[in-house]
Amino acid sequence: MRNYDNLVEALNDLKSKGYNYDFNLLDNCLRCEKLDKDFSPVEFNVEEVIHFEGDDSSADSRSILYVIETSSGIKGTLLTTNSIYHNNLSKELIAKLR
């Protein structure tokens, strides 16, 4: 696992390595707006999970960066807060992100 000092450094490094797409969470899949495409949990792999602490110690200031590659070779990132498990995500999606 790589160590980064901050989120911006991580995103810049990952973009230089081809992780050019941004993913968003939907209830049962990941969405790439740029490609206008959804990816079910069986269509992607989480290659790395990187945790970042905010300026204070509250859970609201924590971020999680998921480094993702789809089964079709699309590389990108998903940025979430520590609270993804409070959303209405499917069990399959939560298991994939765990």
PDB file of N, CA and C in Angstrom:
ATOM      1  N   MET A   1       0.836  -1.178   0.000  1.00  0.00           N
ATOM      2  CA  MET A   1       0.000   0.000   0.000  1.00  0.00           C
ATOM      3  C   MET A   1       0.882   1.243   0.000  1.00  0.00           C
ATOM      4  N   ARG A   2       0.495   2.186  -0.821  1.00  0.00           N
ATOM      5  CA  ARG A   2       1.246   3.434  -0.897  1.00  0.00           C
ATOM      6  C   ARG A   2       0.848   4.345   0.253  1.00  0.00           C
ATOM      7  N   ASN A   3       1.781   5.180   0.666  1.00  0.00           N
ATOM      8  CA  ASN A   3       1.497   6.172   1.700  1.00  0.00           C
ATOM      9  C   ASN A   3       1.509   7.552   1.067  1.00  0.00           C
ATOM     10  N   TYR A   4       0.457   8.300   1.332  1.00  0.00           N
ATOM     11  CA  TYR A   4       0.338   9.653   0.814  1.00  0.00           C
ATOM     12  C   TYR A   4       0.151  10.609   1.980  1.00  0.00           C
ATOM     13  N   ASP A   5       0.690  11.812   1.833  1.00  0.00           N
ATOM     14  CA  ASP A   5       0.532  12.820   2.865  1.00  0.00           C
ATOM     15  C   ASP A   5      -0.868  13.422   2.879  1.00  0.00           C
ATOM     16  N   ASN A   6      -1.507  13.464   1.708  1.00  0.00           N
ATOM     17  CA  ASN A   6      -2.845  14.043   1.650  1.00  0.00           C
ATOM     18  C   ASN A   6      -3.601  13.503   0.440  1.00  0.00           C
ATOM     19  N   LEU A   7      -4.867  13.822   0.389  1.00  0.00           N
ATOM     20  CA  LEU A   7      -5.749  13.330  -0.661  1.00  0.00           C
ATOM     21  C   LEU A   7      -5.354  13.850  -2.040  1.00  0.00           C
ATOM     22  N   VAL A   8      -4.997  15.098  -2.137  1.00  0.00           N
ATOM     23  CA  VAL A   8      -4.611  15.683  -3.428  1.00  0.00           C
ATOM     24  C   VAL A   8      -3.398  14.964  -4.006  1.00  0.00           C
ATOM     25  N   GLU A   9      -2.419  14.695  -3.163  1.00  0.00           N
ATOM     26  CA  GLU A   9      -1.227  13.956  -3.609  1.00  0.00           C
ATOM     27  C   GLU A   9      -1.617  12.580  -4.130  1.00  0.00           C
ATOM     28  N   ALA A  10      -2.492  11.898  -3.417  1.00  0.00           N
ATOM     29  CA  ALA A  10      -2.930  10.563  -3.825  1.00  0.00           C
ATOM     30  C   ALA A  10      -3.648  10.609  -5.166  1.00  0.00           C
ATOM     31  N   LEU A  11      -4.593  11.530  -5.312  1.00  0.00           N
ATOM     32  CA  LEU A  11      -5.353  11.622  -6.562  1.00  0.00           C
ATOM     33  C   LEU A  11      -4.450  11.963  -7.745  1.00  0.00           C
ATOM     34  N   ASN A  12      -3.519  12.881  -7.550  1.00  0.00           N
ATOM     35  CA  ASN A  12      -2.593  13.239  -8.629  1.00  0.00           C
ATOM     36  C   ASN A  12      -1.723  12.052  -9.034  1.00  0.00           C
ATOM     37  N   ASP A  13      -1.219  11.302  -8.056  1.00  0.00           N
ATOM     38  CA  ASP A  13      -0.386  10.138  -8.352  1.00  0.00           C
ATOM     39  C   ASP A  13      -1.194   9.069  -9.078  1.00  0.00           C
ATOM     40  N   LEU A  14      -2.400   8.812  -8.602  1.00  0.00           N
ATOM     41  CA  LEU A  14      -3.231   7.788  -9.229  1.00  0.00           C
ATOM     42  C   LEU A  14      -3.623   8.188 -10.653  1.00  0.00           C
ATOM     43  N   LYS A  15      -3.919   9.458 -10.877  1.00  0.00           N
ATOM     44  CA  LYS A  15      -4.229   9.918 -12.239  1.00  0.00           C
ATOM     45  C   LYS A  15      -3.033   9.711 -13.162  1.00  0.00           C
ATOM     46  N   SER A  16      -1.830   9.925 -12.649  1.00  0.00           N
ATOM     47  CA  SER A  16      -0.635   9.710 -13.470  1.00  0.00           C
ATOM     48  C   SER A  16      -0.440   8.230 -13.802  1.00  0.00           C
ATOM     49  N   LYS A  17      -1.090   7.361 -13.052  1.00  0.00           N
ATOM     50  CA  LYS A  17      -0.999   5.914 -13.284  1.00  0.00           C
ATOM     51  C   LYS A  17      -2.221   5.379 -14.036  1.00  0.00           C
ATOM     52  N   GLY A  18      -3.049   6.301 -14.564  1.00  0.00           N
ATOM     53  CA  GLY A  18      -4.165   5.878 -15.409  1.00  0.00           C
ATOM     54  C   GLY A  18      -5.515   5.783 -14.735  1.00  0.00           C
ATOM     55  N   TYR A  19      -5.610   6.142 -13.478  1.00  0.00           N
ATOM     56  CA  TYR A  19      -6.893   6.103 -12.766  1.00  0.00           C
ATOM     57  C   TYR A  19      -7.601   7.434 -13.002  1.00  0.00           C
ATOM     58  N   ASN A  20      -8.167   7.566 -14.203  1.00  0.00           N
ATOM     59  CA  ASN A  20      -8.677   8.851 -14.670  1.00  0.00           C
ATOM     60  C   ASN A  20     -10.168   9.067 -14.472  1.00  0.00           C
ATOM     61  N   TYR A  21     -10.890   8.072 -14.039  1.00  0.00           N
ATOM     62  CA  TYR A  21     -12.338   8.199 -13.931  1.00  0.00           C
ATOM     63  C   TYR A  21     -12.772   8.323 -12.470  1.00  0.00           C
ATOM     64  N   ASP A  22     -13.866   9.044 -12.273  1.00  0.00           N
ATOM     65  CA  ASP A  22     -14.460   9.189 -10.944  1.00  0.00           C
ATOM     66  C   ASP A  22     -15.714   8.336 -10.885  1.00  0.00           C
ATOM     67  N   PHE A  23     -15.834   7.580  -9.805  1.00  0.00           N
ATOM     68  CA  PHE A  23     -17.012   6.759  -9.583  1.00  0.00           C
ATOM     69  C   PHE A  23     -17.832   7.356  -8.442  1.00  0.00           C
ATOM     70  N   ASN A  24     -19.142   7.151  -8.523  1.00  0.00           N
ATOM     71  CA  ASN A  24     -20.064   7.567  -7.471  1.00  0.00           C
ATOM     72  C   ASN A  24     -20.857   6.358  -7.008  1.00  0.00           C
ATOM     73  N   LEU A  25     -21.278   6.388  -5.754  1.00  0.00           N
ATOM     74  CA  LEU A  25     -22.071   5.297  -5.197  1.00  0.00           C
ATOM     75  C   LEU A  25     -23.543   5.468  -5.524  1.00  0.00           C
ATOM     76  N   LEU A  26     -24.145   4.415  -6.045  1.00  0.00           N
ATOM     77  CA  LEU A  26     -25.591   4.298  -6.121  1.00  0.00           C
ATOM     78  C   LEU A  26     -25.965   3.175  -5.163  1.00  0.00           C
ATOM     79  N   ASP A  27     -27.230   2.893  -4.998  1.00  0.00           N
ATOM     80  CA  ASP A  27     -27.653   1.889  -4.010  1.00  0.00           C
ATOM     81  C   ASP A  27     -27.083   0.502  -4.269  1.00  0.00           C
ATOM     82  N   ASN A  28     -26.921   0.125  -5.547  1.00  0.00           N
ATOM     83  CA  ASN A  28     -26.479  -1.242  -5.834  1.00  0.00           C
ATOM     84  C   ASN A  28     -25.338  -1.328  -6.839  1.00  0.00           C
ATOM     85  N   CYS A  29     -24.696  -0.190  -7.149  1.00  0.00           N
ATOM     86  CA  CYS A  29     -23.615  -0.199  -8.129  1.00  0.00           C
ATOM     87  C   CYS A  29     -22.780   1.063  -8.001  1.00  0.00           C
ATOM     88  N   LEU A  30     -21.715   1.116  -8.800  1.00  0.00           N
ATOM     89  CA  LEU A  30     -20.925   2.325  -8.948  1.00  0.00           C
ATOM     90  C   LEU A  30     -21.317   2.971 -10.269  1.00  0.00           C
ATOM     91  N   ARG A  31     -21.322   4.284 -10.293  1.00  0.00           N
ATOM     92  CA  ARG A  31     -21.691   5.043 -11.494  1.00  0.00           C
ATOM     93  C   ARG A  31     -20.513   5.886 -11.952  1.00  0.00           C
ATOM     94  N   CYS A  32     -20.213   5.829 -13.238  1.00  0.00           N
ATOM     95  CA  CYS A  32     -19.222   6.708 -13.843  1.00  0.00           C
ATOM     96  C   CYS A  32     -19.992   7.656 -14.756  1.00  0.00           C
ATOM     97  N   GLU A  33     -20.159   8.894 -14.307  1.00  0.00           N
ATOM     98  CA  GLU A  33     -20.914   9.882 -15.078  1.00  0.00           C
ATOM     99  C   GLU A  33     -20.241  10.192 -16.412  1.00  0.00           C
ATOM    100  N   LYS A  34     -18.933  10.281 -16.419  1.00  0.00           N
ATOM    101  CA  LYS A  34     -18.197  10.623 -17.639  1.00  0.00           C
ATOM    102  C   LYS A  34     -18.463   9.616 -18.758  1.00  0.00           C
ATOM    103  N   LEU A  35     -18.606   8.343 -18.386  1.00  0.00           N
ATOM    104  CA  LEU A  35     -18.873   7.287 -19.365  1.00  0.00           C
ATOM    105  C   LEU A  35     -20.356   6.960 -19.491  1.00  0.00           C
ATOM    106  N   ASP A  36     -21.172   7.557 -18.610  1.00  0.00           N
ATOM    107  CA  ASP A  36     -22.606   7.265 -18.557  1.00  0.00           C
ATOM    108  C   ASP A  36     -22.839   5.757 -18.424  1.00  0.00           C
ATOM    109  N   LYS A  37     -22.138   5.166 -17.433  1.00  0.00           N
ATOM    110  CA  LYS A  37     -22.171   3.709 -17.257  1.00  0.00           C
ATOM    111  C   LYS A  37     -22.198   3.350 -15.780  1.00  0.00           C
ATOM    112  N   ASP A  38     -22.949   2.297 -15.470  1.00  0.00           N
ATOM    113  CA  ASP A  38     -23.007   1.744 -14.118  1.00  0.00           C
ATOM    114  C   ASP A  38     -22.235   0.432 -14.082  1.00  0.00           C
ATOM    115  N   PHE A  39     -21.649   0.134 -12.908  1.00  0.00           N
ATOM    116  CA  PHE A  39     -20.896  -1.101 -12.723  1.00  0.00           C
ATOM    117  C   PHE A  39     -21.406  -1.813 -11.466  1.00  0.00           C
ATOM    118  N   SER A  40     -21.918  -3.016 -11.655  1.00  0.00           N
ATOM    119  CA  SER A  40     -22.383  -3.809 -10.519  1.00  0.00           C
ATOM    120  C   SER A  40     -21.174  -4.309  -9.734  1.00  0.00           C
ATOM    121  N   PRO A  41     -21.376  -4.794  -8.506  1.00  0.00           N
ATOM    122  CA  PRO A  41     -20.243  -5.279  -7.706  1.00  0.00           C
ATOM    123  C   PRO A  41     -19.423  -6.385  -8.375  1.00  0.00           C
ATOM    124  N   VAL A  42     -20.016  -7.170  -9.245  1.00  0.00           N
ATOM    125  CA  VAL A  42     -19.246  -8.223  -9.917  1.00  0.00           C
ATOM    126  C   VAL A  42     -18.419  -7.680 -11.084  1.00  0.00           C
ATOM    127  N   GLU A  43     -18.638  -6.409 -11.454  1.00  0.00           N
ATOM    128  CA  GLU A  43     -17.946  -5.832 -12.602  1.00  0.00           C
ATOM    129  C   GLU A  43     -16.752  -4.963 -12.229  1.00  0.00           C
ATOM    130  N   PHE A  44     -16.377  -4.922 -10.957  1.00  0.00           N
ATOM    131  CA  PHE A  44     -15.213  -4.125 -10.571  1.00  0.00           C
ATOM    132  C   PHE A  44     -14.490  -4.767  -9.402  1.00  0.00           C
ATOM    133  N   ASN A  45     -13.218  -4.393  -9.259  1.00  0.00           N
ATOM    134  CA  ASN A  45     -12.402  -4.825  -8.134  1.00  0.00           C
ATOM    135  C   ASN A  45     -11.834  -3.604  -7.433  1.00  0.00           C
ATOM    136  N   VAL A  46     -11.785  -3.680  -6.127  1.00  0.00           N
ATOM    137  CA  VAL A  46     -11.141  -2.642  -5.335  1.00  0.00           C
ATOM    138  C   VAL A  46      -9.683  -3.068  -5.190  1.00  0.00           C
ATOM    139  N   GLU A  47      -8.786  -2.319  -5.786  1.00  0.00           N
ATOM    140  CA  GLU A  47      -7.368  -2.653  -5.767  1.00  0.00           C
ATOM    141  C   GLU A  47      -6.673  -2.159  -4.509  1.00  0.00           C
ATOM    142  N   GLU A  48      -7.190  -1.072  -3.957  1.00  0.00           N
ATOM    143  CA  GLU A  48      -6.555  -0.480  -2.780  1.00  0.00           C
ATOM    144  C   GLU A  48      -7.575   0.413  -2.082  1.00  0.00           C
ATOM    145  N   VAL A  49      -7.442   0.512  -0.770  1.00  0.00           N
ATOM    146  CA  VAL A  49      -8.268   1.406   0.030  1.00  0.00           C
ATOM    147  C   VAL A  49      -7.327   2.284   0.837  1.00  0.00           C
ATOM    148  N   ILE A  50      -7.505   3.603   0.712  1.00  0.00           N
ATOM    149  CA  ILE A  50      -6.619   4.548   1.388  1.00  0.00           C
ATOM    150  C   ILE A  50      -7.463   5.430   2.294  1.00  0.00           C
ATOM    151  N   HIS A  51      -7.103   5.485   3.563  1.00  0.00           N
ATOM    152  CA  HIS A  51      -7.837   6.279   4.553  1.00  0.00           C
ATOM    153  C   HIS A  51      -7.115   7.596   4.797  1.00  0.00           C
ATOM    154  N   PHE A  52      -7.903   8.654   4.921  1.00  0.00           N
ATOM    155  CA  PHE A  52      -7.362   9.980   5.235  1.00  0.00           C
ATOM    156  C   PHE A  52      -8.111  10.558   6.420  1.00  0.00           C
ATOM    157  N   GLU A  53      -7.364  11.111   7.346  1.00  0.00           N
ATOM    158  CA  GLU A  53      -7.949  11.793   8.498  1.00  0.00           C
ATOM    159  C   GLU A  53      -8.058  13.270   8.170  1.00  0.00           C
ATOM    160  N   GLY A  54      -9.114  13.900   8.638  1.00  0.00           N
ATOM    161  CA  GLY A  54      -9.289  15.330   8.431  1.00  0.00           C
ATOM    162  C   GLY A  54      -8.512  16.132   9.451  1.00  0.00           C
ATOM    163  N   ASP A  55      -8.858  17.403   9.540  1.00  0.00           N
ATOM    164  CA  ASP A  55      -8.173  18.302  10.457  1.00  0.00           C
ATOM    165  C   ASP A  55      -8.499  18.036  11.918  1.00  0.00           C
ATOM    166  N   ASP A  56      -9.617  17.385  12.157  1.00  0.00           N
ATOM    167  CA  ASP A  56      -9.960  17.042  13.534  1.00  0.00           C
ATOM    168  C   ASP A  56     -10.205  15.540  13.609  1.00  0.00           C
ATOM    169  N   SER A  57     -10.550  15.049  14.756  1.00  0.00           N
ATOM    170  CA  SER A  57     -10.680  13.598  14.929  1.00  0.00           C
ATOM    171  C   SER A  57     -12.111  13.102  14.747  1.00  0.00           C
ATOM    172  N   SER A  58     -13.019  13.956  14.304  1.00  0.00           N
ATOM    173  CA  SER A  58     -14.407  13.523  14.143  1.00  0.00           C
ATOM    174  C   SER A  58     -14.549  12.618  12.925  1.00  0.00           C
ATOM    175  N   ALA A  59     -15.516  11.731  12.972  1.00  0.00           N
ATOM    176  CA  ALA A  59     -15.758  10.810  11.866  1.00  0.00           C
ATOM    177  C   ALA A  59     -16.159  11.550  10.597  1.00  0.00           C
ATOM    178  N   ASP A  60     -16.766  12.718  10.728  1.00  0.00           N
ATOM    179  CA  ASP A  60     -17.193  13.490   9.565  1.00  0.00           C
ATOM    180  C   ASP A  60     -16.026  14.028   8.752  1.00  0.00           C
ATOM    181  N   SER A  61     -14.854  14.095   9.349  1.00  0.00           N
ATOM    182  CA  SER A  61     -13.707  14.655   8.630  1.00  0.00           C
ATOM    183  C   SER A  61     -12.814  13.573   8.024  1.00  0.00           C
ATOM    184  N   ARG A  62     -13.234  12.324   8.097  1.00  0.00           N
ATOM    185  CA  ARG A  62     -12.463  11.222   7.520  1.00  0.00           C
ATOM    186  C   ARG A  62     -12.940  10.936   6.102  1.00  0.00           C
ATOM    187  N   SER A  63     -12.003  10.574   5.258  1.00  0.00           N
ATOM    188  CA  SER A  63     -12.321  10.210   3.877  1.00  0.00           C
ATOM    189  C   SER A  63     -11.695   8.867   3.554  1.00  0.00           C
ATOM    190  N   ILE A  64     -12.334   8.157   2.650  1.00  0.00           N
ATOM    191  CA  ILE A  64     -11.818   6.882   2.180  1.00  0.00           C
ATOM    192  C   ILE A  64     -11.741   6.961   0.663  1.00  0.00           C
ATOM    193  N   LEU A  65     -10.569   6.646   0.123  1.00  0.00           N
ATOM    194  CA  LEU A  65     -10.358   6.637  -1.319  1.00  0.00           C
ATOM    195  C   LEU A  65     -10.212   5.191  -1.773  1.00  0.00           C
ATOM    196  N   TYR A  66     -11.125   4.763  -2.620  1.00  0.00           N
ATOM    197  CA  TYR A  66     -11.072   3.414  -3.189  1.00  0.00           C
ATOM    198  C   TYR A  66     -10.445   3.507  -4.570  1.00  0.00           C
ATOM    199  N   VAL A  67      -9.442   2.677  -4.808  1.00  0.00           N
ATOM    200  CA  VAL A  67      -8.772   2.599  -6.106  1.00  0.00           C
ATOM    201  C   VAL A  67      -9.403   1.411  -6.831  1.00  0.00           C
ATOM    202  N   ILE A  68     -10.028   1.677  -7.974  1.00  0.00           N
ATOM    203  CA  ILE A  68     -10.906   0.694  -8.606  1.00  0.00           C
ATOM    204  C   ILE A  68     -10.498   0.445 -10.052  1.00  0.00           C
ATOM    205  N   GLU A  69     -10.630  -0.834 -10.452  1.00  0.00           N
ATOM    206  CA  GLU A  69     -10.517  -1.189 -11.867  1.00  0.00           C
ATOM    207  C   GLU A  69     -11.694  -2.078 -12.214  1.00  0.00           C
ATOM    208  N   THR A  70     -12.359  -1.754 -13.323  1.00  0.00           N
ATOM    209  CA  THR A  70     -13.500  -2.558 -13.741  1.00  0.00           C
ATOM    210  C   THR A  70     -13.022  -3.771 -14.532  1.00  0.00           C
ATOM    211  N   SER A  71     -13.921  -4.723 -14.727  1.00  0.00           N
ATOM    212  CA  SER A  71     -13.573  -5.926 -15.485  1.00  0.00           C
ATOM    213  C   SER A  71     -13.274  -5.591 -16.948  1.00  0.00           C
ATOM    214  N   SER A  72     -13.713  -4.415 -17.411  1.00  0.00           N
ATOM    215  CA  SER A  72     -13.405  -3.994 -18.782  1.00  0.00           C
ATOM    216  C   SER A  72     -12.167  -3.102 -18.850  1.00  0.00           C
ATOM    217  N   GLY A  73     -11.437  -2.963 -17.724  1.00  0.00           N
ATOM    218  CA  GLY A  73     -10.167  -2.245 -17.722  1.00  0.00           C
ATOM    219  C   GLY A  73     -10.247  -0.760 -17.432  1.00  0.00           C
ATOM    220  N   ILE A  74     -11.417  -0.264 -17.065  1.00  0.00           N
ATOM    221  CA  ILE A  74     -11.563   1.152 -16.731  1.00  0.00           C
ATOM    222  C   ILE A  74     -11.040   1.371 -15.317  1.00  0.00           C
ATOM    223  N   LYS A  75     -10.130   2.349 -15.173  1.00  0.00           N
ATOM    224  CA  LYS A  75      -9.511   2.620 -13.882  1.00  0.00           C
ATOM    225  C   LYS A  75      -9.977   3.968 -13.348  1.00  0.00           C
ATOM    226  N   GLY A  76     -10.287   3.982 -12.062  1.00  0.00           N
ATOM    227  CA  GLY A  76     -10.720   5.227 -11.458  1.00  0.00           C
ATOM    228  C   GLY A  76     -10.733   5.147  -9.945  1.00  0.00           C
ATOM    229  N   THR A  77     -11.325   6.161  -9.341  1.00  0.00           N
ATOM    230  CA  THR A  77     -11.368   6.247  -7.890  1.00  0.00           C
ATOM    231  C   THR A  77     -12.782   6.559  -7.411  1.00  0.00           C
ATOM    232  N   LEU A  78     -13.041   6.152  -6.195  1.00  0.00           N
ATOM    233  CA  LEU A  78     -14.288   6.460  -5.500  1.00  0.00           C
ATOM    234  C   LEU A  78     -13.896   7.083  -4.178  1.00  0.00           C
ATOM    235  N   LEU A  79     -14.363   8.286  -3.934  1.00  0.00           N
ATOM    236  CA  LEU A  79     -14.068   8.989  -2.694  1.00  0.00           C
ATOM    237  C   LEU A  79     -15.337   9.032  -1.857  1.00  0.00           C
ATOM    238  N   THR A  80     -15.237   8.544  -0.623  1.00  0.00           N
ATOM    239  CA  THR A  80     -16.396   8.541   0.272  1.00  0.00           C
ATOM    240  C   THR A  80     -15.990   9.068   1.638  1.00  0.00           C
ATOM    241  N   THR A  81     -17.007   9.296   2.440  1.00  0.00           N
ATOM    242  CA  THR A  81     -16.760   9.599   3.837  1.00  0.00           C
ATOM    243  C   THR A  81     -16.816   8.291   4.600  1.00  0.00           C
ATOM    244  N   ASN A  82     -16.581   8.353   5.859  1.00  0.00           N
ATOM    245  CA  ASN A  82     -16.591   7.167   6.697  1.00  0.00           C
ATOM    246  C   ASN A  82     -18.002   6.610   6.899  1.00  0.00           C
ATOM    247  N   SER A  83     -19.010   7.274   6.359  1.00  0.00           N
ATOM    248  CA  SER A  83     -20.388   6.914   6.674  1.00  0.00           C
ATOM    249  C   SER A  83     -21.103   6.142   5.571  1.00  0.00           C
ATOM    250  N   ILE A  84     -20.406   5.450   4.688  1.00  0.00           N
ATOM    251  CA  ILE A  84     -21.088   4.752   3.599  1.00  0.00           C
ATOM    252  C   ILE A  84     -22.019   3.664   4.109  1.00  0.00           C
ATOM    253  N   TYR A  85     -21.739   3.110   5.271  1.00  0.00           N
ATOM    254  CA  TYR A  85     -22.547   2.015   5.777  1.00  0.00           C
ATOM    255  C   TYR A  85     -23.885   2.490   6.328  1.00  0.00           C
ATOM    256  N   HIS A  86     -24.103   3.793   6.377  1.00  0.00           N
ATOM    257  CA  HIS A  86     -25.377   4.331   6.836  1.00  0.00           C
ATOM    258  C   HIS A  86     -26.307   4.624   5.668  1.00  0.00           C
ATOM    259  N   ASN A  87     -25.830   4.439   4.454  1.00  0.00           N
ATOM    260  CA  ASN A  87     -26.650   4.656   3.267  1.00  0.00           C
ATOM    261  C   ASN A  87     -27.476   3.412   2.983  1.00  0.00           C
ATOM    262  N   ASN A  88     -28.281   3.456   1.954  1.00  0.00           N
ATOM    263  CA  ASN A  88     -29.120   2.316   1.564  1.00  0.00           C
ATOM    264  C   ASN A  88     -28.427   1.450   0.527  1.00  0.00           C
ATOM    265  N   LEU A  89     -27.170   1.158   0.747  1.00  0.00           N
ATOM    266  CA  LEU A  89     -26.403   0.362  -0.208  1.00  0.00           C
ATOM    267  C   LEU A  89     -26.770  -1.109  -0.106  1.00  0.00           C
ATOM    268  N   SER A  90     -26.705  -1.802  -1.237  1.00  0.00           N
ATOM    269  CA  SER A  90     -26.974  -3.239  -1.244  1.00  0.00           C
ATOM    270  C   SER A  90     -25.903  -3.972  -0.442  1.00  0.00           C
ATOM    271  N   LYS A  91     -26.251  -5.144   0.031  1.00  0.00           N
ATOM    272  CA  LYS A  91     -25.299  -5.969   0.791  1.00  0.00           C
ATOM    273  C   LYS A  91     -24.091  -6.331  -0.072  1.00  0.00           C
ATOM    274  N   GLU A  92     -24.330  -6.574  -1.349  1.00  0.00           N
ATOM    275  CA  GLU A  92     -23.251  -6.945  -2.264  1.00  0.00           C
ATOM    276  C   GLU A  92     -22.261  -5.793  -2.448  1.00  0.00           C
ATOM    277  N   LEU A  93     -22.781  -4.583  -2.566  1.00  0.00           N
ATOM    278  CA  LEU A  93     -21.904  -3.429  -2.731  1.00  0.00           C
ATOM    279  C   LEU A  93     -21.115  -3.150  -1.463  1.00  0.00           C
ATOM    280  N   ILE A  94     -21.762  -3.241  -0.321  1.00  0.00           N
ATOM    281  CA  ILE A  94     -21.048  -3.045   0.955  1.00  0.00           C
ATOM    282  C   ILE A  94     -19.960  -4.092   1.108  1.00  0.00           C
ATOM    283  N   ALA A  95     -20.258  -5.341   0.783  1.00  0.00           N
ATOM    284  CA  ALA A  95     -19.258  -6.411   0.910  1.00  0.00           C
ATOM    285  C   ALA A  95     -18.067  -6.139  -0.007  1.00  0.00           C
ATOM    286  N   LYS A  96     -18.323  -5.627  -1.192  1.00  0.00           N
ATOM    287  CA  LYS A  96     -17.244  -5.347  -2.148  1.00  0.00           C
ATOM    288  C   LYS A  96     -16.347  -4.215  -1.646  1.00  0.00           C
ATOM    289  N   LEU A  97     -16.929  -3.237  -0.967  1.00  0.00           N
ATOM    290  CA  LEU A  97     -16.173  -2.084  -0.498  1.00  0.00           C
ATOM    291  C   LEU A  97     -15.532  -2.313   0.865  1.00  0.00           C
ATOM    292  N   ARG A  98     -15.880  -3.377   1.527  1.00  0.00           N
ATOM    293  CA  ARG A  98     -15.353  -3.654   2.857  1.00  0.00           C
ATOM    294  C   ARG A  98     -13.906  -3.997   2.845  1.00  0.00           C
TER     295      ARG A  98
END
